Amino acid sequence: MATNKEKLIKGIYLMGAAFPLIFAGPALYTWKGAEGFRDSSKLGMTFLSIGIMLLAAFLVVKGLRMILSSLFDQDK
């Protein structure tokens, strides 16, 4: 069973790109986004922080799927 190294590296890069977003999304929400629910004129920061969190989750799942497929897929 051979490992597809190009796919593995690409998955690791995706996970690495998601790593700072995992911390930036909740930090931005705590810092500015939570005020958006109290004052409806500041909802932009709330949606931006939620979007960052969703992007981080998407990149983590995509990277993990890519890593696992590089290790376990059998190319025929």
C-alpha atoms as a PDB file:
ATOM      1  CA  MET A   1       0.000   0.000   0.000  1.00  0.00           C
ATOM      2  CA  ALA A   2       1.730   3.125  -1.239  1.00  0.00           C
ATOM      3  CA  THR A   3       1.124   6.650  -0.006  1.00  0.00           C
ATOM      4  CA  ASN A   4       0.266   9.398  -2.460  1.00  0.00           C
ATOM      5  CA  LYS A   5       2.784  11.944  -1.161  1.00  0.00           C
ATOM      6  CA  GLU A   6       1.542  14.864  -3.282  1.00  0.00           C
ATOM      7  CA  LYS A   7      -1.978  14.461  -1.922  1.00  0.00           C
ATOM      8  CA  LEU A   8      -0.651  14.068   1.606  1.00  0.00           C
ATOM      9  CA  ILE A   9       1.350  17.316   1.423  1.00  0.00           C
ATOM     10  CA  LYS A  10      -1.613  19.180  -0.049  1.00  0.00           C
ATOM     11  CA  GLY A  11      -3.806  17.979   2.837  1.00  0.00           C
ATOM     12  CA  ILE A  12      -1.203  19.061   5.369  1.00  0.00           C
ATOM     13  CA  TYR A  13      -1.035  22.511   3.767  1.00  0.00           C
ATOM     14  CA  LEU A  14      -4.831  22.835   3.967  1.00  0.00           C
ATOM     15  CA  MET A  15      -4.783  21.893   7.641  1.00  0.00           C
ATOM     16  CA  GLY A  16      -1.965  24.385   8.212  1.00  0.00           C
ATOM     17  CA  ALA A  17      -3.949  27.135   6.504  1.00  0.00           C
ATOM     18  CA  ALA A  18      -6.941  26.375   8.724  1.00  0.00           C
ATOM     19  CA  PHE A  19      -4.933  26.459  11.958  1.00  0.00           C
ATOM     20  CA  PRO A  20      -4.778  30.262  12.412  1.00  0.00           C
ATOM     21  CA  LEU A  21      -8.427  30.585  11.413  1.00  0.00           C
ATOM     22  CA  ILE A  22      -9.438  28.164  14.172  1.00  0.00           C
ATOM     23  CA  PHE A  23      -8.252  30.746  16.701  1.00  0.00           C
ATOM     24  CA  ALA A  24      -9.007  33.937  14.757  1.00  0.00           C
ATOM     25  CA  GLY A  25     -12.730  33.256  14.264  1.00  0.00           C
ATOM     26  CA  PRO A  26     -13.710  32.848  17.917  1.00  0.00           C
ATOM     27  CA  ALA A  27     -11.317  35.605  18.989  1.00  0.00           C
ATOM     28  CA  LEU A  28     -12.872  38.038  16.525  1.00  0.00           C
ATOM     29  CA  TYR A  29     -16.338  36.981  17.634  1.00  0.00           C
ATOM     30  CA  THR A  30     -15.483  37.547  21.290  1.00  0.00           C
ATOM     31  CA  TRP A  31     -13.756  40.854  20.578  1.00  0.00           C
ATOM     32  CA  LYS A  32     -16.213  42.520  18.161  1.00  0.00           C
ATOM     33  CA  GLY A  33     -18.839  40.049  16.949  1.00  0.00           C
ATOM     34  CA  ALA A  34     -20.795  39.603  20.159  1.00  0.00           C
ATOM     35  CA  GLU A  35     -21.562  43.338  20.177  1.00  0.00           C
ATOM     36  CA  GLY A  36     -23.477  42.843  16.925  1.00  0.00           C
ATOM     37  CA  PHE A  37     -26.303  41.055  18.692  1.00  0.00           C
ATOM     38  CA  ARG A  38     -26.775  43.964  21.094  1.00  0.00           C
ATOM     39  CA  ASP A  39     -26.402  46.680  18.434  1.00  0.00           C
ATOM     40  CA  SER A  40     -27.818  45.665  15.063  1.00  0.00           C
ATOM     41  CA  SER A  41     -25.665  48.210  13.213  1.00  0.00           C
ATOM     42  CA  LYS A  42     -22.557  46.106  13.967  1.00  0.00           C
ATOM     43  CA  LEU A  43     -23.738  42.805  12.515  1.00  0.00           C
ATOM     44  CA  GLY A  44     -20.995  42.819   9.889  1.00  0.00           C
ATOM     45  CA  MET A  45     -18.304  41.718  12.332  1.00  0.00           C
ATOM     46  CA  THR A  46     -20.587  38.986  13.645  1.00  0.00           C
ATOM     47  CA  PHE A  47     -21.115  37.556  10.167  1.00  0.00           C
ATOM     48  CA  LEU A  48     -17.420  37.922   9.335  1.00  0.00           C
ATOM     49  CA  SER A  49     -16.350  35.991  12.431  1.00  0.00           C
ATOM     50  CA  ILE A  50     -18.926  33.259  11.793  1.00  0.00           C
ATOM     51  CA  GLY A  51     -17.742  33.070   8.181  1.00  0.00           C
ATOM     52  CA  ILE A  52     -14.130  32.656   9.338  1.00  0.00           C
ATOM     53  CA  MET A  53     -15.175  29.853  11.671  1.00  0.00           C
ATOM     54  CA  LEU A  54     -17.084  28.089   8.879  1.00  0.00           C
ATOM     55  CA  LEU A  55     -14.117  28.469   6.528  1.00  0.00           C
ATOM     56  CA  ALA A  56     -11.812  26.971   9.157  1.00  0.00           C
ATOM     57  CA  ALA A  57     -14.134  23.998   9.643  1.00  0.00           C
ATOM     58  CA  PHE A  58     -14.365  23.470   5.870  1.00  0.00           C
ATOM     59  CA  LEU A  59     -10.575  23.560   5.439  1.00  0.00           C
ATOM     60  CA  VAL A  60     -10.007  21.149   8.320  1.00  0.00           C
ATOM     61  CA  VAL A  61     -12.512  18.631   6.974  1.00  0.00           C
ATOM     62  CA  LYS A  62     -11.191  18.924   3.417  1.00  0.00           C
ATOM     63  CA  GLY A  63      -7.578  18.580   4.581  1.00  0.00           C
ATOM     64  CA  LEU A  64      -8.349  15.594   6.783  1.00  0.00           C
ATOM     65  CA  ARG A  65     -10.243  13.862   3.992  1.00  0.00           C
ATOM     66  CA  MET A  66      -7.334  14.489   1.644  1.00  0.00           C
ATOM     67  CA  ILE A  67      -4.807  13.103   4.137  1.00  0.00           C
ATOM     68  CA  LEU A  68      -6.877   9.998   4.799  1.00  0.00           C
ATOM     69  CA  SER A  69      -7.489   9.369   1.104  1.00  0.00           C
ATOM     70  CA  SER A  70      -3.757   9.686   0.410  1.00  0.00           C
ATOM     71  CA  LEU A  71      -3.074   7.011   3.007  1.00  0.00           C
ATOM     72  CA  PHE A  72      -5.878   4.534   2.371  1.00  0.00           C
ATOM     73  CA  ASP A  73      -7.144   4.886  -1.215  1.00  0.00           C
ATOM     74  CA  GLN A  74      -6.038   2.183  -3.563  1.00  0.00           C
ATOM     75  CA  ASP A  75      -5.451   3.513  -7.060  1.00  0.00           C
ATOM     76  CA  LYS A  76      -6.249   0.825  -9.589  1.00  0.00           C
END
